[in-house]
Amino acid sequence: MIRATLLALVLMTFQLSFAQSTDSIFVVKSDTLNKNLLSKTKFTVKQLYIPSSLIITGLALNGNSLESPKNEIVEERNEHWLKFRTHVDDYLQYSPIAIAYGLDAFGIKSKNDIPNRTAILLKGELGMIAITQLLKNTAHIQRPDQSNYASFPSGHTAQAFAAATFLNEEYKDRYKWMPYVSYGIATTVGVLRMANNKHYISDVLVGAGIGYLSMKISYWTHHYKWNRKKQIRNSDLIHQYPN
């Protein structure tokens, strides 16, 4: 059961990464009043397939019977990895954000400038935190290790997938392998949460869907109000000196 679960999570990562690497996320919009050039993340219904499938699958696996898939995985974990403990997931969940700003610090420019990028990140983070905390307080499900009743959904996984989506959106057009790195990190966090006996697979899947969708919504709804004068100058230069 554990091997099958790990295989399923790996396949989920590759499916998500492949979908992101082949999806065109830029759409250029012209504002006739401001003559401004904006690069905005384009919404398509197709992008809802993966997060909705993650959330629906997680809810379907959230049964309470002893023979439910989530409890069977915990049982096998306790049989084979009873003493496993690590704090890597506590730090790894934020690593995509550090990578995104680190690349920019080394002169590798991202899709958006720092003010707009940071605004997008904060909106996505606030949305993700609000949803996960609301569900934790409402569902009130006990963790596998019985430490508290904040199991559903996984906040670490939601954070990791939100951060991975942020990193991916900023750099996937420059580096085609970025989706595999970003979502590989996020999936590792989800696996470690189960290995640490802090979450069920249902918690992890729903958390992944929430984190991904929260950051995507932040990109879809961003209006790029910062640095508009700079964007206008860049737009004028493009019109004067086209490639």
C-alpha atoms as a PDB file:
ATOM      1  CA  MET A   1       0.000   0.000   0.000  1.00  0.00           C
ATOM      2  CA  ILE A   2       2.811   2.425   0.860  1.00  0.00           C
ATOM      3  CA  ARG A   3       4.626   1.691  -2.400  1.00  0.00           C
ATOM      4  CA  ALA A   4       1.428   2.177  -4.359  1.00  0.00           C
ATOM      5  CA  THR A   5       0.813   5.477  -2.571  1.00  0.00           C
ATOM      6  CA  LEU A   6       4.303   6.754  -3.270  1.00  0.00           C
ATOM      7  CA  LEU A   7       3.957   5.738  -6.919  1.00  0.00           C
ATOM      8  CA  ALA A   8       0.628   7.554  -7.144  1.00  0.00           C
ATOM      9  CA  LEU A   9       2.128  10.717  -5.655  1.00  0.00           C
ATOM     10  CA  VAL A  10       5.088  10.565  -8.042  1.00  0.00           C
ATOM     11  CA  LEU A  11       2.740  10.141 -10.989  1.00  0.00           C
ATOM     12  CA  MET A  12       0.708  13.081  -9.691  1.00  0.00           C
ATOM     13  CA  THR A  13       3.860  15.201  -9.645  1.00  0.00           C
ATOM     14  CA  PHE A  14       4.761  14.310 -13.220  1.00  0.00           C
ATOM     15  CA  GLN A  15       1.204  14.885 -14.408  1.00  0.00           C
ATOM     16  CA  LEU A  16       1.087  18.288 -12.766  1.00  0.00           C
ATOM     17  CA  SER A  17       4.575  19.192 -13.966  1.00  0.00           C
ATOM     18  CA  PHE A  18       3.893  18.090 -17.531  1.00  0.00           C
ATOM     19  CA  ALA A  19       0.650  20.019 -17.640  1.00  0.00           C
ATOM     20  CA  GLN A  20       2.411  23.130 -16.388  1.00  0.00           C
ATOM     21  CA  SER A  21       5.349  22.810 -18.763  1.00  0.00           C
ATOM     22  CA  THR A  22       3.054  22.564 -21.802  1.00  0.00           C
ATOM     23  CA  ASP A  23       0.581  25.231 -20.739  1.00  0.00           C
ATOM     24  CA  SER A  24       0.938  28.691 -22.231  1.00  0.00           C
ATOM     25  CA  ILE A  25       0.548  31.110 -19.356  1.00  0.00           C
ATOM     26  CA  PHE A  26       1.299  34.453 -20.950  1.00  0.00           C
ATOM     27  CA  VAL A  27      -1.218  36.612 -22.708  1.00  0.00           C
ATOM     28  CA  VAL A  28      -0.340  40.129 -23.817  1.00  0.00           C
ATOM     29  CA  LYS A  29      -3.075  42.685 -23.306  1.00  0.00           C
ATOM     30  CA  SER A  30      -3.005  46.194 -24.776  1.00  0.00           C
ATOM     31  CA  ASP A  31      -4.617  49.048 -22.861  1.00  0.00           C
ATOM     32  CA  THR A  32      -5.479  51.753 -25.369  1.00  0.00           C
ATOM     33  CA  LEU A  33      -5.872  54.361 -22.647  1.00  0.00           C
ATOM     34  CA  ASN A  34      -2.560  53.788 -20.909  1.00  0.00           C
ATOM     35  CA  LYS A  35      -0.622  52.200 -23.783  1.00  0.00           C
ATOM     36  CA  ASN A  36       0.608  49.719 -21.239  1.00  0.00           C
ATOM     37  CA  LEU A  37       2.068  46.277 -21.910  1.00  0.00           C
ATOM     38  CA  LEU A  38       1.060  43.658 -19.366  1.00  0.00           C
ATOM     39  CA  SER A  39       1.979  40.011 -19.098  1.00  0.00           C
ATOM     40  CA  LYS A  40      -0.901  38.374 -17.279  1.00  0.00           C
ATOM     41  CA  THR A  41      -1.423  34.764 -16.303  1.00  0.00           C
ATOM     42  CA  LYS A  42      -4.231  33.450 -18.455  1.00  0.00           C
ATOM     43  CA  PHE A  43      -7.138  31.559 -16.899  1.00  0.00           C
ATOM     44  CA  THR A  44      -8.355  28.441 -18.647  1.00  0.00           C
ATOM     45  CA  VAL A  45     -10.864  25.873 -17.416  1.00  0.00           C
ATOM     46  CA  LYS A  46      -8.260  23.203 -18.157  1.00  0.00           C
ATOM     47  CA  GLN A  47      -6.145  24.496 -15.266  1.00  0.00           C
ATOM     48  CA  LEU A  48      -8.922  23.547 -12.834  1.00  0.00           C
ATOM     49  CA  TYR A  49      -8.731  19.846 -13.702  1.00  0.00           C
ATOM     50  CA  ILE A  50      -5.701  18.986 -11.599  1.00  0.00           C
ATOM     51  CA  PRO A  51      -6.540  20.867  -8.359  1.00  0.00           C
ATOM     52  CA  SER A  52     -10.159  19.700  -8.491  1.00  0.00           C
ATOM     53  CA  SER A  53      -9.065  16.081  -9.031  1.00  0.00           C
ATOM     54  CA  LEU A  54      -6.658  16.335  -6.089  1.00  0.00           C
ATOM     55  CA  ILE A  55      -9.335  17.728  -3.785  1.00  0.00           C
ATOM     56  CA  ILE A  56     -12.047  15.310  -4.918  1.00  0.00           C
ATOM     57  CA  THR A  57      -9.720  12.305  -4.574  1.00  0.00           C
ATOM     58  CA  GLY A  58      -8.636  13.468  -1.131  1.00  0.00           C
ATOM     59  CA  LEU A  59     -12.235  13.822   0.011  1.00  0.00           C
ATOM     60  CA  ALA A  60     -13.081  10.389  -1.399  1.00  0.00           C
ATOM     61  CA  LEU A  61     -10.213   8.819   0.573  1.00  0.00           C
ATOM     62  CA  ASN A  62     -11.186  10.542   3.826  1.00  0.00           C
ATOM     63  CA  GLY A  63     -13.145   7.630   5.208  1.00  0.00           C
ATOM     64  CA  ASN A  64     -13.048   6.802   8.913  1.00  0.00           C
ATOM     65  CA  SER A  65     -13.326   3.011   8.793  1.00  0.00           C
ATOM     66  CA  LEU A  66     -10.308   0.975   9.871  1.00  0.00           C
ATOM     67  CA  GLU A  67     -10.078  -0.514   6.376  1.00  0.00           C
ATOM     68  CA  SER A  68     -10.183   2.810   4.574  1.00  0.00           C
ATOM     69  CA  PRO A  69      -7.145   3.564   2.357  1.00  0.00           C
ATOM     70  CA  LYS A  70      -5.931   6.388   4.577  1.00  0.00           C
ATOM     71  CA  ASN A  71      -5.925   4.203   7.698  1.00  0.00           C
ATOM     72  CA  GLU A  72      -4.343   1.274   5.858  1.00  0.00           C
ATOM     73  CA  ILE A  73      -1.453   3.531   4.806  1.00  0.00           C
ATOM     74  CA  VAL A  74      -0.963   4.679   8.394  1.00  0.00           C
ATOM     75  CA  GLU A  75      -1.012   1.074   9.577  1.00  0.00           C
ATOM     76  CA  GLU A  76       1.707   0.091   7.122  1.00  0.00           C
ATOM     77  CA  ARG A  77       3.707   3.197   7.985  1.00  0.00           C
ATOM     78  CA  ASN A  78       3.628   2.246  11.669  1.00  0.00           C
ATOM     79  CA  GLU A  79       4.652  -1.309  10.808  1.00  0.00           C
ATOM     80  CA  HIS A  80       7.675  -0.368   8.688  1.00  0.00           C
ATOM     81  CA  TRP A  81       8.670   3.205   9.631  1.00  0.00           C
ATOM     82  CA  LEU A  82       7.513   3.513  13.219  1.00  0.00           C
ATOM     83  CA  LYS A  83      10.551   5.464  14.433  1.00  0.00           C
ATOM     84  CA  PHE A  84      10.888   7.706  11.386  1.00  0.00           C
ATOM     85  CA  ARG A  85      11.093  11.394  12.291  1.00  0.00           C
ATOM     86  CA  THR A  86      12.415  14.410  10.385  1.00  0.00           C
ATOM     87  CA  HIS A  87      12.003  18.185  10.451  1.00  0.00           C
ATOM     88  CA  VAL A  88      13.072  18.652   6.822  1.00  0.00           C
ATOM     89  CA  ASP A  89       9.467  19.222   5.766  1.00  0.00           C
ATOM     90  CA  ASP A  90       9.213  22.211   8.143  1.00  0.00           C
ATOM     91  CA  TYR A  91      11.785  24.061   6.035  1.00  0.00           C
ATOM     92  CA  LEU A  92      11.284  22.453   2.640  1.00  0.00           C
ATOM     93  CA  GLN A  93       7.737  23.809   2.390  1.00  0.00           C
ATOM     94  CA  TYR A  94       9.097  27.352   1.984  1.00  0.00           C
ATOM     95  CA  SER A  95      12.086  26.517  -0.220  1.00  0.00           C
ATOM     96  CA  PRO A  96      10.424  27.311  -3.588  1.00  0.00           C
ATOM     97  CA  ILE A  97       9.896  30.898  -2.408  1.00  0.00           C
ATOM     98  CA  ALA A  98      13.537  31.165  -1.360  1.00  0.00           C
ATOM     99  CA  ILE A  99      14.598  29.762  -4.736  1.00  0.00           C
ATOM    100  CA  ALA A 100      12.432  32.271  -6.616  1.00  0.00           C
ATOM    101  CA  TYR A 101      13.885  35.296  -4.862  1.00  0.00           C
ATOM    102  CA  GLY A 102      17.355  33.748  -4.809  1.00  0.00           C
ATOM    103  CA  LEU A 103      17.419  33.367  -8.588  1.00  0.00           C
ATOM    104  CA  ASP A 104      16.406  36.984  -8.964  1.00  0.00           C
ATOM    105  CA  ALA A 105      19.130  38.047  -6.537  1.00  0.00           C
ATOM    106  CA  PHE A 106      21.670  36.313  -8.787  1.00  0.00           C
ATOM    107  CA  GLY A 107      20.425  38.263 -11.790  1.00  0.00           C
ATOM    108  CA  ILE A 108      18.119  35.611 -13.266  1.00  0.00           C
ATOM    109  CA  LYS A 109      15.002  37.662 -13.852  1.00  0.00           C
ATOM    110  CA  SER A 110      11.570  36.209 -13.225  1.00  0.00           C
ATOM    111  CA  LYS A 111       8.285  36.824 -15.030  1.00  0.00           C
ATOM    112  CA  ASN A 112       7.219  39.695 -12.758  1.00  0.00           C
ATOM    113  CA  ASP A 113       9.084  42.467 -10.987  1.00  0.00           C
ATOM    114  CA  ILE A 114       9.494  42.328  -7.210  1.00  0.00           C
ATOM    115  CA  PRO A 115       6.500  44.544  -6.209  1.00  0.00           C
ATOM    116  CA  ASN A 116       3.971  42.685  -8.376  1.00  0.00           C
ATOM    117  CA  ARG A 117       5.478  39.299  -7.611  1.00  0.00           C
ATOM    118  CA  THR A 118       5.390  39.951  -3.871  1.00  0.00           C
ATOM    119  CA  ALA A 119       1.793  41.172  -4.006  1.00  0.00           C
ATOM    120  CA  ILE A 120       0.786  38.009  -5.860  1.00  0.00           C
ATOM    121  CA  LEU A 121       2.648  35.846  -3.339  1.00  0.00           C
ATOM    122  CA  LEU A 122       1.031  37.537  -0.329  1.00  0.00           C
ATOM    123  CA  LYS A 123      -2.477  37.241  -1.778  1.00  0.00           C
ATOM    124  CA  GLY A 124      -1.959  33.587  -2.580  1.00  0.00           C
ATOM    125  CA  GLU A 125      -0.494  32.870   0.854  1.00  0.00           C
ATOM    126  CA  LEU A 126      -3.319  34.647   2.686  1.00  0.00           C
ATOM    127  CA  GLY A 127      -5.938  32.786   0.671  1.00  0.00           C
ATOM    128  CA  MET A 128      -4.242  29.438   1.263  1.00  0.00           C
ATOM    129  CA  ILE A 129      -3.870  30.030   5.008  1.00  0.00           C
ATOM    130  CA  ALA A 130      -7.457  31.206   5.392  1.00  0.00           C
ATOM    131  CA  ILE A 131      -8.880  28.145   3.616  1.00  0.00           C
ATOM    132  CA  THR A 132      -6.699  25.589   5.400  1.00  0.00           C
ATOM    133  CA  GLN A 133      -7.329  27.060   8.844  1.00  0.00           C
ATOM    134  CA  LEU A 134     -11.062  27.250   8.236  1.00  0.00           C
ATOM    135  CA  LEU A 135     -11.158  23.600   7.174  1.00  0.00           C
ATOM    136  CA  LYS A 136      -8.959  22.494  10.071  1.00  0.00           C
ATOM    137  CA  ASN A 137     -11.252  24.186  12.585  1.00  0.00           C
ATOM    138  CA  THR A 138     -14.395  22.909  10.855  1.00  0.00           C
ATOM    139  CA  ALA A 139     -13.350  19.312  10.143  1.00  0.00           C
ATOM    140  CA  HIS A 140     -11.612  18.862  13.528  1.00  0.00           C
ATOM    141  CA  ILE A 141      -9.988  15.564  12.467  1.00  0.00           C
ATOM    142  CA  GLN A 142      -7.402  13.965  14.732  1.00  0.00           C
ATOM    143  CA  ARG A 143      -3.893  13.460  13.374  1.00  0.00           C
ATOM    144  CA  PRO A 144      -2.626   9.893  12.844  1.00  0.00           C
ATOM    145  CA  ASP A 145      -0.209  10.332  15.768  1.00  0.00           C
ATOM    146  CA  GLN A 146      -3.125  11.630  17.904  1.00  0.00           C
ATOM    147  CA  SER A 147      -1.205  14.806  18.786  1.00  0.00           C
ATOM    148  CA  ASN A 148      -4.123  17.183  18.040  1.00  0.00           C
ATOM    149  CA  TYR A 149      -7.239  17.670  15.919  1.00  0.00           C
ATOM    150  CA  ALA A 150      -5.726  19.728  13.101  1.00  0.00           C
ATOM    151  CA  SER A 151      -5.083  16.955  10.594  1.00  0.00           C
ATOM    152  CA  PHE A 152      -7.347  17.931   7.682  1.00  0.00           C
ATOM    153  CA  PRO A 153      -6.081  19.375   5.394  1.00  0.00           C
ATOM    154  CA  SER A 154      -2.275  19.395   5.501  1.00  0.00           C
ATOM    155  CA  GLY A 155      -1.071  22.954   6.005  1.00  0.00           C
ATOM    156  CA  HIS A 156       2.530  22.037   5.189  1.00  0.00           C
ATOM    157  CA  THR A 157       1.471  20.495   1.882  1.00  0.00           C
ATOM    158  CA  ALA A 158      -0.780  23.423   1.035  1.00  0.00           C
ATOM    159  CA  GLN A 159       2.099  25.797   1.746  1.00  0.00           C
ATOM    160  CA  ALA A 160       4.509  23.704  -0.329  1.00  0.00           C
ATOM    161  CA  PHE A 161       2.210  23.574  -3.361  1.00  0.00           C
ATOM    162  CA  ALA A 162       1.395  27.273  -3.124  1.00  0.00           C
ATOM    163  CA  ALA A 163       5.116  28.064  -3.022  1.00  0.00           C
ATOM    164  CA  ALA A 164       5.819  25.602  -5.855  1.00  0.00           C
ATOM    165  CA  THR A 165       3.151  27.215  -8.019  1.00  0.00           C
ATOM    166  CA  PHE A 166       4.660  30.645  -7.309  1.00  0.00           C
ATOM    167  CA  LEU A 167       8.140  29.484  -8.324  1.00  0.00           C
ATOM    168  CA  ASN A 168       6.798  27.702 -11.372  1.00  0.00           C
ATOM    169  CA  GLU A 169       4.755  30.647 -12.629  1.00  0.00           C
ATOM    170  CA  GLU A 170       7.741  32.963 -12.339  1.00  0.00           C
ATOM    171  CA  TYR A 171      10.334  30.757 -14.035  1.00  0.00           C
ATOM    172  CA  LYS A 172       8.746  27.981 -16.099  1.00  0.00           C
ATOM    173  CA  ASP A 173       8.990  29.908 -19.362  1.00  0.00           C
ATOM    174  CA  ARG A 174      12.705  30.478 -18.816  1.00  0.00           C
ATOM    175  CA  TYR A 175      13.425  26.951 -17.592  1.00  0.00           C
ATOM    176  CA  LYS A 176      11.238  24.147 -18.972  1.00  0.00           C
ATOM    177  CA  TRP A 177      12.372  21.832 -16.174  1.00  0.00           C
ATOM    178  CA  MET A 178      11.164  24.175 -13.422  1.00  0.00           C
ATOM    179  CA  PRO A 179       7.729  22.487 -13.013  1.00  0.00           C
ATOM    180  CA  TYR A 180       9.427  19.181 -12.217  1.00  0.00           C
ATOM    181  CA  VAL A 181      11.699  20.791  -9.628  1.00  0.00           C
ATOM    182  CA  SER A 182       9.032  22.929  -7.966  1.00  0.00           C
ATOM    183  CA  TYR A 183       6.312  20.290  -7.764  1.00  0.00           C
ATOM    184  CA  GLY A 184       8.862  17.606  -6.949  1.00  0.00           C
ATOM    185  CA  ILE A 185       9.766  19.598  -3.835  1.00  0.00           C
ATOM    186  CA  ALA A 186       6.103  20.049  -2.937  1.00  0.00           C
ATOM    187  CA  THR A 187       5.332  16.351  -3.343  1.00  0.00           C
ATOM    188  CA  THR A 188       8.309  15.476  -1.158  1.00  0.00           C
ATOM    189  CA  VAL A 189       6.817  17.635   1.594  1.00  0.00           C
ATOM    190  CA  GLY A 190       3.519  15.760   1.300  1.00  0.00           C
ATOM    191  CA  VAL A 191       5.254  12.376   1.495  1.00  0.00           C
ATOM    192  CA  LEU A 192       7.273  13.476   4.533  1.00  0.00           C
ATOM    193  CA  ARG A 193       4.113  14.642   6.320  1.00  0.00           C
ATOM    194  CA  MET A 194       2.733  11.106   5.981  1.00  0.00           C
ATOM    195  CA  ALA A 195       6.084   9.531   6.878  1.00  0.00           C
ATOM    196  CA  ASN A 196       6.165  11.686  10.013  1.00  0.00           C
ATOM    197  CA  ASN A 197       2.700  10.327  10.877  1.00  0.00           C
ATOM    198  CA  LYS A 198       1.275  13.845  10.962  1.00  0.00           C
ATOM    199  CA  HIS A 199      -1.189  13.462   8.088  1.00  0.00           C
ATOM    200  CA  TYR A 200      -3.307  11.024   6.164  1.00  0.00           C
ATOM    201  CA  ILE A 201      -3.077  10.811   2.392  1.00  0.00           C
ATOM    202  CA  SER A 202      -6.473  12.537   2.190  1.00  0.00           C
ATOM    203  CA  ASP A 203      -5.056  15.529   4.101  1.00  0.00           C
ATOM    204  CA  VAL A 204      -2.091  15.723   1.742  1.00  0.00           C
ATOM    205  CA  LEU A 205      -4.109  15.526  -1.486  1.00  0.00           C
ATOM    206  CA  VAL A 206      -6.611  18.172  -0.420  1.00  0.00           C
ATOM    207  CA  GLY A 207      -3.813  20.393   0.880  1.00  0.00           C
ATOM    208  CA  ALA A 208      -2.002  20.092  -2.450  1.00  0.00           C
ATOM    209  CA  GLY A 209      -5.116  21.115  -4.354  1.00  0.00           C
ATOM    210  CA  ILE A 210      -5.764  24.083  -2.068  1.00  0.00           C
ATOM    211  CA  GLY A 211      -2.187  25.357  -2.256  1.00  0.00           C
ATOM    212  CA  TYR A 212      -2.029  25.092  -6.040  1.00  0.00           C
ATOM    213  CA  LEU A 213      -5.426  26.693  -6.598  1.00  0.00           C
ATOM    214  CA  SER A 214      -4.895  29.523  -4.107  1.00  0.00           C
ATOM    215  CA  MET A 215      -1.737  30.730  -5.824  1.00  0.00           C
ATOM    216  CA  LYS A 216      -3.249  30.282  -9.290  1.00  0.00           C
ATOM    217  CA  ILE A 217      -6.234  32.436  -8.316  1.00  0.00           C
ATOM    218  CA  SER A 218      -3.845  35.103  -7.054  1.00  0.00           C
ATOM    219  CA  TYR A 219      -2.167  35.206 -10.469  1.00  0.00           C
ATOM    220  CA  TRP A 220      -5.456  35.161 -12.376  1.00  0.00           C
ATOM    221  CA  THR A 221      -6.850  38.097 -10.409  1.00  0.00           C
ATOM    222  CA  HIS A 222      -3.750  40.304 -10.192  1.00  0.00           C
ATOM    223  CA  HIS A 223      -4.047  43.719 -11.871  1.00  0.00           C
ATOM    224  CA  TYR A 224      -0.349  44.681 -12.026  1.00  0.00           C
ATOM    225  CA  LYS A 225      -0.830  48.154 -10.561  1.00  0.00           C
ATOM    226  CA  TRP A 226       2.787  48.559  -9.477  1.00  0.00           C
ATOM    227  CA  ASN A 227       5.501  49.981 -11.733  1.00  0.00           C
ATOM    228  CA  ARG A 228       2.965  50.998 -14.378  1.00  0.00           C
ATOM    229  CA  LYS A 229       5.112  53.958 -15.479  1.00  0.00           C
ATOM    230  CA  LYS A 230       8.060  51.646 -16.031  1.00  0.00           C
ATOM    231  CA  GLN A 231       5.853  49.239 -17.993  1.00  0.00           C
ATOM    232  CA  ILE A 232       4.596  52.125 -20.151  1.00  0.00           C
ATOM    233  CA  ARG A 233       8.171  53.172 -20.951  1.00  0.00           C
ATOM    234  CA  ASN A 234       9.052  49.583 -21.835  1.00  0.00           C
ATOM    235  CA  SER A 235       5.965  49.372 -24.027  1.00  0.00           C
ATOM    236  CA  ASP A 236       6.937  52.588 -25.854  1.00  0.00           C
ATOM    237  CA  LEU A 237      10.446  51.234 -26.423  1.00  0.00           C
ATOM    238  CA  ILE A 238       9.040  48.029 -27.877  1.00  0.00           C
ATOM    239  CA  HIS A 239       6.874  50.004 -30.269  1.00  0.00           C
ATOM    240  CA  GLN A 240       9.795  52.268 -31.259  1.00  0.00           C
ATOM    241  CA  TYR A 241      12.343  49.506 -31.596  1.00  0.00           C
ATOM    242  CA  PRO A 242      10.517  46.273 -32.427  1.00  0.00           C
ATOM    243  CA  ASN A 243      12.496  43.041 -32.689  1.00  0.00           C
END
